[in-house]
Amino acid sequence: KYHAHSARDRFAISRDNAKNTVYLQMDRLKPEDTATYYCAARYT
């Protein structure tokens, strides 16, 4: 896992492959976090 500096210590990415779902837990949100959030996938 890797988090951008702006997200470190406040956000946490995780995934449940059994459910085909990736999560982004966002805590201690700030007004500057306001945005449209997109998920993206890359074949590895």
PDB file of all heavy atoms in Angstrom:
ATOM      1  N   LYS A   1       0.846  -1.180   0.000  1.00  0.00           N
ATOM      2  CA  LYS A   1       0.000   0.000   0.000  1.00  0.00           C
ATOM      3  C   LYS A   1       0.884   1.233   0.000  1.00  0.00           C
ATOM      4  O   LYS A   1       1.992   1.216   0.545  1.00  0.00           O
ATOM      5  CB  LYS A   1      -0.903   0.024   1.245  1.00  0.00           C
ATOM      6  CG  LYS A   1      -1.751  -1.211   1.440  1.00  0.00           C
ATOM      7  CD  LYS A   1      -2.502  -1.147   2.758  1.00  0.00           C
ATOM      8  CE  LYS A   1      -3.256  -2.437   3.017  1.00  0.00           C
ATOM      9  NZ  LYS A   1      -3.998  -2.388   4.306  1.00  0.00           N
ATOM     10  N   TYR A   2       0.365   2.289  -0.576  1.00  0.00           N
ATOM     11  CA  TYR A   2       1.097   3.557  -0.562  1.00  0.00           C
ATOM     12  C   TYR A   2       0.090   4.688  -0.512  1.00  0.00           C
ATOM     13  O   TYR A   2      -0.896   4.697  -1.235  1.00  0.00           O
ATOM     14  CB  TYR A   2       1.980   3.689  -1.809  1.00  0.00           C
ATOM     15  CG  TYR A   2       2.791   4.961  -1.822  1.00  0.00           C
ATOM     16  CD1 TYR A   2       3.888   5.104  -0.998  1.00  0.00           C
ATOM     17  CD2 TYR A   2       2.433   6.027  -2.642  1.00  0.00           C
ATOM     18  CE1 TYR A   2       4.628   6.276  -0.996  1.00  0.00           C
ATOM     19  CE2 TYR A   2       3.160   7.198  -2.646  1.00  0.00           C
ATOM     20  CZ  TYR A   2       4.260   7.315  -1.820  1.00  0.00           C
ATOM     21  OH  TYR A   2       4.988   8.469  -1.808  1.00  0.00           O
ATOM     22  N   HIS A   3       0.353   5.647   0.358  1.00  0.00           N
ATOM     23  CA  HIS A   3      -0.534   6.805   0.507  1.00  0.00           C
ATOM     24  C   HIS A   3       0.236   8.079   0.192  1.00  0.00           C
ATOM     25  O   HIS A   3       1.387   8.233   0.623  1.00  0.00           O
ATOM     26  CB  HIS A   3      -1.080   6.869   1.929  1.00  0.00           C
ATOM     27  CG  HIS A   3      -1.921   5.704   2.312  1.00  0.00           C
ATOM     28  ND1 HIS A   3      -1.383   4.477   2.680  1.00  0.00           N
ATOM     29  CD2 HIS A   3      -3.275   5.544   2.370  1.00  0.00           C
ATOM     30  CE1 HIS A   3      -2.362   3.630   2.947  1.00  0.00           C
ATOM     31  NE2 HIS A   3      -3.515   4.246   2.762  1.00  0.00           N
ATOM     32  N   ALA A   4      -0.399   8.982  -0.527  1.00  0.00           N
ATOM     33  CA  ALA A   4       0.201  10.279  -0.785  1.00  0.00           C
ATOM     34  C   ALA A   4       0.407  11.024   0.529  1.00  0.00           C
ATOM     35  O   ALA A   4      -0.271  10.746   1.528  1.00  0.00           O
ATOM     36  CB  ALA A   4      -0.687  11.087  -1.723  1.00  0.00           C
ATOM     37  N   HIS A   5       1.331  11.964   0.513  1.00  0.00           N
ATOM     38  CA  HIS A   5       1.639  12.697   1.746  1.00  0.00           C
ATOM     39  C   HIS A   5       0.393  13.343   2.342  1.00  0.00           C
ATOM     40  O   HIS A   5       0.199  13.350   3.561  1.00  0.00           O
ATOM     41  CB  HIS A   5       2.697  13.751   1.465  1.00  0.00           C
ATOM     42  CG  HIS A   5       3.073  14.557   2.665  1.00  0.00           C
ATOM     43  ND1 HIS A   5       3.865  14.049   3.684  1.00  0.00           N
ATOM     44  CD2 HIS A   5       2.740  15.819   3.037  1.00  0.00           C
ATOM     45  CE1 HIS A   5       4.020  14.974   4.614  1.00  0.00           C
ATOM     46  NE2 HIS A   5       3.345  16.052   4.249  1.00  0.00           N
ATOM     47  N   SER A   6      -0.468  13.861   1.492  1.00  0.00           N
ATOM     48  CA  SER A   6      -1.673  14.548   1.970  1.00  0.00           C
ATOM     49  C   SER A   6      -2.637  13.595   2.662  1.00  0.00           C
ATOM     50  O   SER A   6      -3.494  14.022   3.440  1.00  0.00           O
ATOM     51  CB  SER A   6      -2.375  15.242   0.807  1.00  0.00           C
ATOM     52  OG  SER A   6      -2.774  14.281  -0.165  1.00  0.00           O
ATOM     53  N   ALA A   7      -2.509  12.292   2.377  1.00  0.00           N
ATOM     54  CA  ALA A   7      -3.442  11.315   2.922  1.00  0.00           C
ATOM     55  C   ALA A   7      -2.843  10.511   4.073  1.00  0.00           C
ATOM     56  O   ALA A   7      -3.575   9.830   4.800  1.00  0.00           O
ATOM     57  CB  ALA A   7      -3.877  10.353   1.827  1.00  0.00           C
ATOM     58  N   ARG A   8      -1.549  10.610   4.219  1.00  0.00           N
ATOM     59  CA  ARG A   8      -0.882   9.793   5.221  1.00  0.00           C
ATOM     60  C   ARG A   8      -1.372  10.151   6.611  1.00  0.00           C
ATOM     61  O   ARG A   8      -1.545  11.303   6.954  1.00  0.00           O
ATOM     62  CB  ARG A   8       0.628  10.012   5.095  1.00  0.00           C
ATOM     63  CG  ARG A   8       1.468   8.797   5.366  1.00  0.00           C
ATOM     64  CD  ARG A   8       2.839   8.996   4.762  1.00  0.00           C
ATOM     65  NE  ARG A   8       2.784   8.895   3.300  1.00  0.00           N
ATOM     66  CZ  ARG A   8       3.781   9.290   2.495  1.00  0.00           C
ATOM     67  NH1 ARG A   8       4.866   9.832   3.004  1.00  0.00           N
ATOM     68  NH2 ARG A   8       3.655   9.155   1.194  1.00  0.00           N
ATOM     69  N   ASP A   9      -1.593   9.152   7.424  1.00  0.00           N
ATOM     70  CA  ASP A   9      -2.041   9.292   8.817  1.00  0.00           C
ATOM     71  C   ASP A   9      -3.510   9.631   8.958  1.00  0.00           C
ATOM     72  O   ASP A   9      -4.025   9.654  10.083  1.00  0.00           O
ATOM     73  CB  ASP A   9      -1.229  10.356   9.562  1.00  0.00           C
ATOM     74  CG  ASP A   9       0.242  10.007   9.638  1.00  0.00           C
ATOM     75  OD1 ASP A   9       0.553   8.798   9.709  1.00  0.00           O
ATOM     76  OD2 ASP A   9       1.078  10.918   9.608  1.00  0.00           O
ATOM     77  N   ARG A  10      -4.204   9.934   7.852  1.00  0.00           N
ATOM     78  CA  ARG A  10      -5.643  10.207   7.934  1.00  0.00           C
ATOM     79  C   ARG A  10      -6.476   9.264   7.086  1.00  0.00           C
ATOM     80  O   ARG A  10      -7.634   8.992   7.416  1.00  0.00           O
ATOM     81  CB  ARG A  10      -5.939  11.650   7.513  1.00  0.00           C
ATOM     82  CG  ARG A  10      -5.294  12.708   8.379  1.00  0.00           C
ATOM     83  CD  ARG A  10      -5.800  14.100   8.038  1.00  0.00           C
ATOM     84  NE  ARG A  10      -5.513  14.442   6.656  1.00  0.00           N
ATOM     85  CZ  ARG A  10      -6.450  14.785   5.769  1.00  0.00           C
ATOM     86  NH1 ARG A  10      -7.732  14.813   6.118  1.00  0.00           N
ATOM     87  NH2 ARG A  10      -6.119  15.104   4.528  1.00  0.00           N
ATOM     88  N   PHE A  11      -5.916   8.813   5.982  1.00  0.00           N
ATOM     89  CA  PHE A  11      -6.634   7.925   5.073  1.00  0.00           C
ATOM     90  C   PHE A  11      -5.998   6.543   5.095  1.00  0.00           C
ATOM     91  O   PHE A  11      -4.789   6.410   5.337  1.00  0.00           O
ATOM     92  CB  PHE A  11      -6.570   8.461   3.642  1.00  0.00           C
ATOM     93  CG  PHE A  11      -7.274   9.770   3.409  1.00  0.00           C
ATOM     94  CD1 PHE A  11      -7.898  10.464   4.426  1.00  0.00           C
ATOM     95  CD2 PHE A  11      -7.306  10.308   2.134  1.00  0.00           C
ATOM     96  CE1 PHE A  11      -8.539  11.670   4.199  1.00  0.00           C
ATOM     97  CE2 PHE A  11      -7.942  11.511   1.878  1.00  0.00           C
ATOM     98  CZ  PHE A  11      -8.553  12.197   2.920  1.00  0.00           C
ATOM     99  N   ALA A  12      -6.801   5.532   4.795  1.00  0.00           N
ATOM    100  CA  ALA A  12      -6.276   4.169   4.738  1.00  0.00           C
ATOM    101  C   ALA A  12      -6.968   3.407   3.618  1.00  0.00           C
ATOM    102  O   ALA A  12      -8.202   3.306   3.607  1.00  0.00           O
ATOM    103  CB  ALA A  12      -6.475   3.460   6.060  1.00  0.00           C
ATOM    104  N   ILE A  13      -6.169   2.872   2.709  1.00  0.00           N
ATOM    105  CA  ILE A  13      -6.709   2.071   1.620  1.00  0.00           C
ATOM    106  C   ILE A  13      -6.664   0.598   2.007  1.00  0.00           C
ATOM    107  O   ILE A  13      -5.734   0.149   2.697  1.00  0.00           O
ATOM    108  CB  ILE A  13      -5.928   2.319   0.307  1.00  0.00           C
ATOM    109  CG1 ILE A  13      -6.656   1.696  -0.883  1.00  0.00           C
ATOM    110  CG2 ILE A  13      -4.488   1.829   0.419  1.00  0.00           C
ATOM    111  CD1 ILE A  13      -6.059   2.109  -2.236  1.00  0.00           C
ATOM    112  N   SER A  14      -7.674  -0.139   1.589  1.00  0.00           N
ATOM    113  CA  SER A  14      -7.716  -1.571   1.850  1.00  0.00           C
ATOM    114  C   SER A  14      -8.536  -2.224   0.744  1.00  0.00           C
ATOM    115  O   SER A  14      -9.172  -1.537  -0.058  1.00  0.00           O
ATOM    116  CB  SER A  14      -8.330  -1.866   3.222  1.00  0.00           C
ATOM    117  OG  SER A  14      -9.678  -1.410   3.275  1.00  0.00           O
ATOM    118  N   ARG A  15      -8.500  -3.541   0.699  1.00  0.00           N
ATOM    119  CA  ARG A  15      -9.309  -4.236  -0.291  1.00  0.00           C
ATOM    120  C   ARG A  15      -9.744  -5.585   0.248  1.00  0.00           C
ATOM    121  O   ARG A  15      -9.061  -6.193   1.072  1.00  0.00           O
ATOM    122  CB  ARG A  15      -8.564  -4.402  -1.620  1.00  0.00           C
ATOM    123  CG  ARG A  15      -7.391  -5.336  -1.615  1.00  0.00           C
ATOM    124  CD  ARG A  15      -6.605  -5.228  -2.943  1.00  0.00           C
ATOM    125  NE  ARG A  15      -7.326  -5.810  -4.067  1.00  0.00           N
ATOM    126  CZ  ARG A  15      -7.004  -5.578  -5.352  1.00  0.00           C
ATOM    127  NH1 ARG A  15      -5.995  -4.785  -5.645  1.00  0.00           N
ATOM    128  NH2 ARG A  15      -7.689  -6.155  -6.320  1.00  0.00           N
ATOM    129  N   ASP A  16     -10.898  -6.016  -0.249  1.00  0.00           N
ATOM    130  CA  ASP A  16     -11.443  -7.321   0.057  1.00  0.00           C
ATOM    131  C   ASP A  16     -11.638  -8.027  -1.274  1.00  0.00           C
ATOM    132  O   ASP A  16     -12.630  -7.776  -1.973  1.00  0.00           O
ATOM    133  CB  ASP A  16     -12.761  -7.175   0.825  1.00  0.00           C
ATOM    134  CG  ASP A  16     -13.334  -8.496   1.270  1.00  0.00           C
ATOM    135  OD1 ASP A  16     -12.956  -9.536   0.709  1.00  0.00           O
ATOM    136  OD2 ASP A  16     -14.170  -8.497   2.178  1.00  0.00           O
ATOM    137  N   ASN A  17     -10.711  -8.870  -1.622  1.00  0.00           N
ATOM    138  CA  ASN A  17     -10.782  -9.519  -2.939  1.00  0.00           C
ATOM    139  C   ASN A  17     -11.951 -10.493  -3.047  1.00  0.00           C
ATOM    140  O   ASN A  17     -12.428 -10.767  -4.149  1.00  0.00           O
ATOM    141  CB  ASN A  17      -9.463 -10.224  -3.250  1.00  0.00           C
ATOM    142  CG  ASN A  17      -8.376  -9.235  -3.657  1.00  0.00           C
ATOM    143  OD1 ASN A  17      -8.668  -8.131  -4.112  1.00  0.00           O
ATOM    144  ND2 ASN A  17      -7.131  -9.614  -3.494  1.00  0.00           N
ATOM    145  N   ALA A  18     -12.410 -10.994  -1.930  1.00  0.00           N
ATOM    146  CA  ALA A  18     -13.578 -11.874  -1.970  1.00  0.00           C
ATOM    147  C   ALA A  18     -14.831 -11.111  -2.374  1.00  0.00           C
ATOM    148  O   ALA A  18     -15.776 -11.691  -2.917  1.00  0.00           O
ATOM    149  CB  ALA A  18     -13.779 -12.533  -0.613  1.00  0.00           C
ATOM    150  N   LYS A  19     -14.834  -9.818  -2.108  1.00  0.00           N
ATOM    151  CA  LYS A  19     -15.976  -8.966  -2.454  1.00  0.00           C
ATOM    152  C   LYS A  19     -15.696  -8.081  -3.658  1.00  0.00           C
ATOM    153  O   LYS A  19     -16.513  -7.225  -4.000  1.00  0.00           O
ATOM    154  CB  LYS A  19     -16.356  -8.095  -1.258  1.00  0.00           C
ATOM    155  CG  LYS A  19     -16.840  -8.872  -0.049  1.00  0.00           C
ATOM    156  CD  LYS A  19     -17.250  -7.932   1.071  1.00  0.00           C
ATOM    157  CE  LYS A  19     -17.784  -8.723   2.265  1.00  0.00           C
ATOM    158  NZ  LYS A  19     -18.178  -7.833   3.389  1.00  0.00           N
ATOM    159  N   ASN A  20     -14.521  -8.236  -4.265  1.00  0.00           N
ATOM    160  CA  ASN A  20     -14.149  -7.396  -5.416  1.00  0.00           C
ATOM    161  C   ASN A  20     -14.288  -5.907  -5.102  1.00  0.00           C
ATOM    162  O   ASN A  20     -14.777  -5.120  -5.933  1.00  0.00           O
ATOM    163  CB  ASN A  20     -15.010  -7.741  -6.641  1.00  0.00           C
ATOM    164  CG  ASN A  20     -14.519  -8.969  -7.377  1.00  0.00           C
ATOM    165  OD1 ASN A  20     -13.732  -9.748  -6.847  1.00  0.00           O
ATOM    166  ND2 ASN A  20     -14.998  -9.172  -8.585  1.00  0.00           N
ATOM    167  N   THR A  21     -13.854  -5.514  -3.939  1.00  0.00           N
ATOM    168  CA  THR A  21     -14.065  -4.137  -3.496  1.00  0.00           C
ATOM    169  C   THR A  21     -12.792  -3.582  -2.859  1.00  0.00           C
ATOM    170  O   THR A  21     -12.099  -4.283  -2.115  1.00  0.00           O
ATOM    171  CB  THR A  21     -15.222  -4.056  -2.495  1.00  0.00           C
ATOM    172  OG1 THR A  21     -16.410  -4.581  -3.093  1.00  0.00           O
ATOM    173  CG2 THR A  21     -15.485  -2.610  -2.085  1.00  0.00           C
ATOM    174  N   VAL A  22     -12.521  -2.330  -3.178  1.00  0.00           N
ATOM    175  CA  VAL A  22     -11.443  -1.576  -2.554  1.00  0.00           C
ATOM    176  C   VAL A  22     -12.063  -0.434  -1.773  1.00  0.00           C
ATOM    177  O   VAL A  22     -13.028   0.189  -2.237  1.00  0.00           O
ATOM    178  CB  VAL A  22     -10.457  -1.048  -3.609  1.00  0.00           C
ATOM    179  CG1 VAL A  22      -9.427  -0.113  -2.973  1.00  0.00           C
ATOM    180  CG2 VAL A  22      -9.751  -2.210  -4.303  1.00  0.00           C
ATOM    181  N   TYR A  23     -11.498  -0.146  -0.622  1.00  0.00           N
ATOM    182  CA  TYR A  23     -12.040   0.882   0.264  1.00  0.00           C
ATOM    183  C   TYR A  23     -11.025   2.002   0.481  1.00  0.00           C
ATOM    184  O   TYR A  23      -9.812   1.798   0.384  1.00  0.00           O
ATOM    185  CB  TYR A  23     -12.394   0.274   1.626  1.00  0.00           C
ATOM    186  CG  TYR A  23     -13.344  -0.887   1.542  1.00  0.00           C
ATOM    187  CD1 TYR A  23     -12.875  -2.198   1.572  1.00  0.00           C
ATOM    188  CD2 TYR A  23     -14.722  -0.673   1.431  1.00  0.00           C
ATOM    189  CE1 TYR A  23     -13.745  -3.268   1.492  1.00  0.00           C
ATOM    190  CE2 TYR A  23     -15.595  -1.747   1.359  1.00  0.00           C
ATOM    191  CZ  TYR A  23     -15.098  -3.039   1.387  1.00  0.00           C
ATOM    192  OH  TYR A  23     -15.968  -4.098   1.297  1.00  0.00           O
ATOM    193  N   LEU A  24     -11.551   3.161   0.808  1.00  0.00           N
ATOM    194  CA  LEU A  24     -10.721   4.263   1.266  1.00  0.00           C
ATOM    195  C   LEU A  24     -11.376   4.839   2.510  1.00  0.00           C
ATOM    196  O   LEU A  24     -12.406   5.515   2.421  1.00  0.00           O
ATOM    197  CB  LEU A  24     -10.556   5.342   0.198  1.00  0.00           C
ATOM    198  CG  LEU A  24      -9.590   6.473   0.570  1.00  0.00           C
ATOM    199  CD1 LEU A  24      -8.153   5.948   0.661  1.00  0.00           C
ATOM    200  CD2 LEU A  24      -9.673   7.618  -0.433  1.00  0.00           C
ATOM    201  N   GLN A  25     -10.796   4.531   3.647  1.00  0.00           N
ATOM    202  CA  GLN A  25     -11.277   5.082   4.915  1.00  0.00           C
ATOM    203  C   GLN A  25     -10.640   6.450   5.104  1.00  0.00           C
ATOM    204  O   GLN A  25      -9.417   6.571   5.090  1.00  0.00           O
ATOM    205  CB  GLN A  25     -10.901   4.159   6.071  1.00  0.00           C
ATOM    206  CG  GLN A  25     -11.315   4.682   7.428  1.00  0.00           C
ATOM    207  CD  GLN A  25     -12.810   4.749   7.617  1.00  0.00           C
ATOM    208  OE1 GLN A  25     -13.541   3.851   7.201  1.00  0.00           O
ATOM    209  NE2 GLN A  25     -13.291   5.825   8.227  1.00  0.00           N
ATOM    210  N   MET A  26     -11.467   7.459   5.279  1.00  0.00           N
ATOM    211  CA  MET A  26     -10.977   8.830   5.418  1.00  0.00           C
ATOM    212  C   MET A  26     -11.419   9.378   6.748  1.00  0.00           C
ATOM    213  O   MET A  26     -12.626   9.499   7.018  1.00  0.00           O
ATOM    214  CB  MET A  26     -11.503   9.701   4.272  1.00  0.00           C
ATOM    215  CG  MET A  26     -11.191   9.147   2.889  1.00  0.00           C
ATOM    216  SD  MET A  26     -11.589  10.291   1.563  1.00  0.00           S
ATOM    217  CE  MET A  26     -13.363  10.411   1.759  1.00  0.00           C
ATOM    218  N   ASP A  27     -10.472   9.707   7.586  1.00  0.00           N
ATOM    219  CA  ASP A  27     -10.742  10.252   8.919  1.00  0.00           C
ATOM    220  C   ASP A  27     -10.183  11.658   9.046  1.00  0.00           C
ATOM    221  O   ASP A  27      -9.319  12.062   8.274  1.00  0.00           O
ATOM    222  CB  ASP A  27     -10.115   9.346   9.987  1.00  0.00           C
ATOM    223  CG  ASP A  27     -10.688   7.945   9.974  1.00  0.00           C
ATOM    224  OD1 ASP A  27     -11.921   7.804   9.796  1.00  0.00           O
ATOM    225  OD2 ASP A  27      -9.909   6.982  10.148  1.00  0.00           O
ATOM    226  N   ARG A  28     -10.664  12.376  10.037  1.00  0.00           N
ATOM    227  CA  ARG A  28     -10.196  13.753  10.297  1.00  0.00           C
ATOM    228  C   ARG A  28     -10.193  14.563   9.016  1.00  0.00           C
ATOM    229  O   ARG A  28      -9.206  15.219   8.674  1.00  0.00           O
ATOM    230  CB  ARG A  28      -8.824  13.721  10.948  1.00  0.00           C
ATOM    231  CG  ARG A  28      -8.809  12.957  12.268  1.00  0.00           C
ATOM    232  CD  ARG A  28      -7.521  13.148  13.053  1.00  0.00           C
ATOM    233  NE  ARG A  28      -6.333  12.758  12.332  1.00  0.00           N
ATOM    234  CZ  ARG A  28      -5.917  11.518  12.207  1.00  0.00           C
ATOM    235  NH1 ARG A  28      -6.607  10.525  12.740  1.00  0.00           N
ATOM    236  NH2 ARG A  28      -4.798  11.246  11.554  1.00  0.00           N
ATOM    237  N   LEU A  29     -11.315  14.528   8.332  1.00  0.00           N
ATOM    238  CA  LEU A  29     -11.420  15.211   7.043  1.00  0.00           C
ATOM    239  C   LEU A  29     -11.300  16.720   7.200  1.00  0.00           C
ATOM    240  O   LEU A  29     -11.727  17.299   8.213  1.00  0.00           O
ATOM    241  CB  LEU A  29     -12.731  14.845   6.369  1.00  0.00           C
ATOM    242  CG  LEU A  29     -12.738  13.459   5.714  1.00  0.00           C
ATOM    243  CD1 LEU A  29     -14.164  12.962   5.495  1.00  0.00           C
ATOM    244  CD2 LEU A  29     -11.981  13.492   4.393  1.00  0.00           C
ATOM    245  N   LYS A  30     -10.736  17.333   6.170  1.00  0.00           N
ATOM    246  CA  LYS A  30     -10.516  18.771   6.141  1.00  0.00           C
ATOM    247  C   LYS A  30     -11.243  19.361   4.925  1.00  0.00           C
ATOM    248  O   LYS A  30     -11.467  18.652   3.938  1.00  0.00           O
ATOM    249  CB  LYS A  30      -9.028  19.071   6.017  1.00  0.00           C
ATOM    250  CG  LYS A  30      -8.167  18.458   7.090  1.00  0.00           C
ATOM    251  CD  LYS A  30      -6.687  18.719   6.817  1.00  0.00           C
ATOM    252  CE  LYS A  30      -5.798  18.069   7.865  1.00  0.00           C
ATOM    253  NZ  LYS A  30      -4.355  18.315   7.580  1.00  0.00           N
ATOM    254  N   PRO A  31     -11.581  20.637   4.961  1.00  0.00           N
ATOM    255  CA  PRO A  31     -12.228  21.251   3.785  1.00  0.00           C
ATOM    256  C   PRO A  31     -11.414  21.073   2.508  1.00  0.00           C
ATOM    257  O   PRO A  31     -11.999  20.930   1.427  1.00  0.00           O
ATOM    258  CB  PRO A  31     -12.339  22.721   4.195  1.00  0.00           C
ATOM    259  CG  PRO A  31     -12.462  22.674   5.681  1.00  0.00           C
ATOM    260  CD  PRO A  31     -11.565  21.561   6.113  1.00  0.00           C
ATOM    261  N   GLU A  32     -10.108  21.050   2.617  1.00  0.00           N
ATOM    262  CA  GLU A  32      -9.278  20.880   1.418  1.00  0.00           C
ATOM    263  C   GLU A  32      -9.330  19.468   0.841  1.00  0.00           C
ATOM    264  O   GLU A  32      -8.771  19.207  -0.232  1.00  0.00           O
ATOM    265  CB  GLU A  32      -7.825  21.273   1.699  1.00  0.00           C
ATOM    266  CG  GLU A  32      -7.224  20.634   2.923  1.00  0.00           C
ATOM    267  CD  GLU A  32      -7.299  21.548   4.140  1.00  0.00           C
ATOM    268  OE1 GLU A  32      -8.373  22.161   4.385  1.00  0.00           O
ATOM    269  OE2 GLU A  32      -6.271  21.622   4.876  1.00  0.00           O
ATOM    270  N   ASP A  33      -9.995  18.553   1.544  1.00  0.00           N
ATOM    271  CA  ASP A  33     -10.212  17.211   0.995  1.00  0.00           C
ATOM    272  C   ASP A  33     -11.416  17.185   0.043  1.00  0.00           C
ATOM    273  O   ASP A  33     -11.684  16.154  -0.586  1.00  0.00           O
ATOM    274  CB  ASP A  33     -10.444  16.194   2.114  1.00  0.00           C
ATOM    275  CG  ASP A  33      -9.218  16.002   2.988  1.00  0.00           C
ATOM    276  OD1 ASP A  33      -8.098  15.924   2.443  1.00  0.00           O
ATOM    277  OD2 ASP A  33      -9.388  15.942   4.219  1.00  0.00           O
ATOM    278  N   THR A  34     -12.136  18.283  -0.032  1.00  0.00           N
ATOM    279  CA  THR A  34     -13.288  18.351  -0.922  1.00  0.00           C
ATOM    280  C   THR A  34     -12.860  18.128  -2.369  1.00  0.00           C
ATOM    281  O   THR A  34     -11.979  18.818  -2.883  1.00  0.00           O
ATOM    282  CB  THR A  34     -13.986  19.725  -0.794  1.00  0.00           C
ATOM    283  OG1 THR A  34     -14.530  19.842   0.519  1.00  0.00           O
ATOM    284  CG2 THR A  34     -15.107  19.864  -1.815  1.00  0.00           C
ATOM    285  N   ALA A  35     -13.477  17.146  -3.015  1.00  0.00           N
ATOM    286  CA  ALA A  35     -13.100  16.778  -4.382  1.00  0.00           C
ATOM    287  C   ALA A  35     -14.009  15.650  -4.853  1.00  0.00           C
ATOM    288  O   ALA A  35     -14.763  15.072  -4.060  1.00  0.00           O
ATOM    289  CB  ALA A  35     -11.650  16.312  -4.447  1.00  0.00           C
ATOM    290  N   THR A  36     -13.912  15.360  -6.131  1.00  0.00           N
ATOM    291  CA  THR A  36     -14.488  14.130  -6.651  1.00  0.00           C
ATOM    292  C   THR A  36     -13.417  13.052  -6.558  1.00  0.00           C
ATOM    293  O   THR A  36     -12.291  13.260  -7.008  1.00  0.00           O
ATOM    294  CB  THR A  36     -14.946  14.292  -8.107  1.00  0.00           C
ATOM    295  OG1 THR A  36     -15.918  15.335  -8.181  1.00  0.00           O
ATOM    296  CG2 THR A  36     -15.570  13.001  -8.617  1.00  0.00           C
ATOM    297  N   TYR A  37     -13.775  11.944  -5.965  1.00  0.00           N
ATOM    298  CA  TYR A  37     -12.824  10.846  -5.749  1.00  0.00           C
ATOM    299  C   TYR A  37     -13.098   9.743  -6.766  1.00  0.00           C
ATOM    300  O   TYR A  37     -14.242   9.311  -6.932  1.00  0.00           O
ATOM    301  CB  TYR A  37     -12.946  10.313  -4.336  1.00  0.00           C
ATOM    302  CG  TYR A  37     -12.299  11.226  -3.320  1.00  0.00           C
ATOM    303  CD1 TYR A  37     -12.878  12.450  -3.003  1.00  0.00           C
ATOM    304  CD2 TYR A  37     -11.104  10.883  -2.693  1.00  0.00           C
ATOM    305  CE1 TYR A  37     -12.277  13.313  -2.103  1.00  0.00           C
ATOM    306  CE2 TYR A  37     -10.500  11.732  -1.775  1.00  0.00           C
ATOM    307  CZ  TYR A  37     -11.087  12.944  -1.490  1.00  0.00           C
ATOM    308  OH  TYR A  37     -10.494  13.801  -0.591  1.00  0.00           O
ATOM    309  N   TYR A  38     -12.035   9.314  -7.405  1.00  0.00           N
ATOM    310  CA  TYR A  38     -12.120   8.286  -8.440  1.00  0.00           C
ATOM    311  C   TYR A  38     -11.272   7.079  -8.063  1.00  0.00           C
ATOM    312  O   TYR A  38     -10.166   7.243  -7.537  1.00  0.00           O
ATOM    313  CB  TYR A  38     -11.597   8.816  -9.777  1.00  0.00           C
ATOM    314  CG  TYR A  38     -12.321  10.002 -10.336  1.00  0.00           C
ATOM    315  CD1 TYR A  38     -11.950  11.297  -9.998  1.00  0.00           C
ATOM    316  CD2 TYR A  38     -13.390   9.826 -11.220  1.00  0.00           C
ATOM    317  CE1 TYR A  38     -12.607  12.395 -10.518  1.00  0.00           C
ATOM    318  CE2 TYR A  38     -14.054  10.916 -11.748  1.00  0.00           C
ATOM    319  CZ  TYR A  38     -13.665  12.195 -11.391  1.00  0.00           C
ATOM    320  OH  TYR A  38     -14.331  13.271 -11.918  1.00  0.00           O
ATOM    321  N   CYS A  39     -11.761   5.910  -8.362  1.00  0.00           N
ATOM    322  CA  CYS A  39     -10.895   4.745  -8.275  1.00  0.00           C
ATOM    323  C   CYS A  39     -10.497   4.326  -9.687  1.00  0.00           C
ATOM    324  O   CYS A  39     -11.228   4.574 -10.659  1.00  0.00           O
ATOM    325  CB  CYS A  39     -11.529   3.587  -7.519  1.00  0.00           C
ATOM    326  SG  CYS A  39     -12.978   2.832  -8.274  1.00  0.00           S
ATOM    327  N   ALA A  40      -9.341   3.717  -9.776  1.00  0.00           N
ATOM    328  CA  ALA A  40      -8.790   3.296 -11.049  1.00  0.00           C
ATOM    329  C   ALA A  40      -8.090   1.961 -10.868  1.00  0.00           C
ATOM    330  O   ALA A  40      -7.579   1.660  -9.790  1.00  0.00           O
ATOM    331  CB  ALA A  40      -7.808   4.339 -11.580  1.00  0.00           C
ATOM    332  N   ALA A  41      -8.068   1.173 -11.930  1.00  0.00           N
ATOM    333  CA  ALA A  41      -7.456  -0.150 -11.878  1.00  0.00           C
ATOM    334  C   ALA A  41      -6.429  -0.312 -12.980  1.00  0.00           C
ATOM    335  O   ALA A  41      -6.588   0.220 -14.081  1.00  0.00           O
ATOM    336  CB  ALA A  41      -8.531  -1.230 -11.999  1.00  0.00           C
ATOM    337  N   ARG A  42      -5.378  -1.052 -12.656  1.00  0.00           N
ATOM    338  CA  ARG A  42      -4.314  -1.333 -13.615  1.00  0.00           C
ATOM    339  C   ARG A  42      -3.991  -2.819 -13.544  1.00  0.00           C
ATOM    340  O   ARG A  42      -3.765  -3.362 -12.455  1.00  0.00           O
ATOM    341  CB  ARG A  42      -3.073  -0.512 -13.303  1.00  0.00           C
ATOM    342  CG  ARG A  42      -1.847  -0.882 -14.135  1.00  0.00           C
ATOM    343  CD  ARG A  42      -0.639  -0.062 -13.712  1.00  0.00           C
ATOM    344  NE  ARG A  42       0.592  -0.523 -14.334  1.00  0.00           N
ATOM    345  CZ  ARG A  42       1.021  -0.144 -15.516  1.00  0.00           C
ATOM    346  NH1 ARG A  42       0.307   0.697 -16.234  1.00  0.00           N
ATOM    347  NH2 ARG A  42       2.160  -0.601 -16.003  1.00  0.00           N
ATOM    348  N   TYR A  43      -3.937  -3.462 -14.700  1.00  0.00           N
ATOM    349  CA  TYR A  43      -3.612  -4.877 -14.722  1.00  0.00           C
ATOM    350  C   TYR A  43      -2.151  -5.087 -14.333  1.00  0.00           C
ATOM    351  O   TYR A  43      -1.247  -4.410 -14.839  1.00  0.00           O
ATOM    352  CB  TYR A  43      -3.851  -5.463 -16.119  1.00  0.00           C
ATOM    353  CG  TYR A  43      -3.520  -6.936 -16.191  1.00  0.00           C
ATOM    354  CD1 TYR A  43      -4.439  -7.880 -15.754  1.00  0.00           C
ATOM    355  CD2 TYR A  43      -2.273  -7.372 -16.646  1.00  0.00           C
ATOM    356  CE1 TYR A  43      -4.138  -9.230 -15.787  1.00  0.00           C
ATOM    357  CE2 TYR A  43      -1.960  -8.715 -16.680  1.00  0.00           C
ATOM    358  CZ  TYR A  43      -2.902  -9.635 -16.245  1.00  0.00           C
ATOM    359  OH  TYR A  43      -2.599 -10.969 -16.266  1.00  0.00           O
ATOM    360  N   THR A  44      -1.920  -5.994 -13.407  1.00  0.00           N
ATOM    361  CA  THR A  44      -0.557  -6.347 -13.035  1.00  0.00           C
ATOM    362  C   THR A  44      -0.385  -7.850 -13.249  1.00  0.00           C
ATOM    363  O   THR A  44      -0.248  -8.317 -14.354  1.00  0.00           O
ATOM    364  CB  THR A  44      -0.260  -5.935 -11.581  1.00  0.00           C
ATOM    365  OG1 THR A  44      -1.213  -6.536 -10.698  1.00  0.00           O
ATOM    366  CG2 THR A  44      -0.325  -4.425 -11.427  1.00  0.00           C
TER     367      THR A  44
END
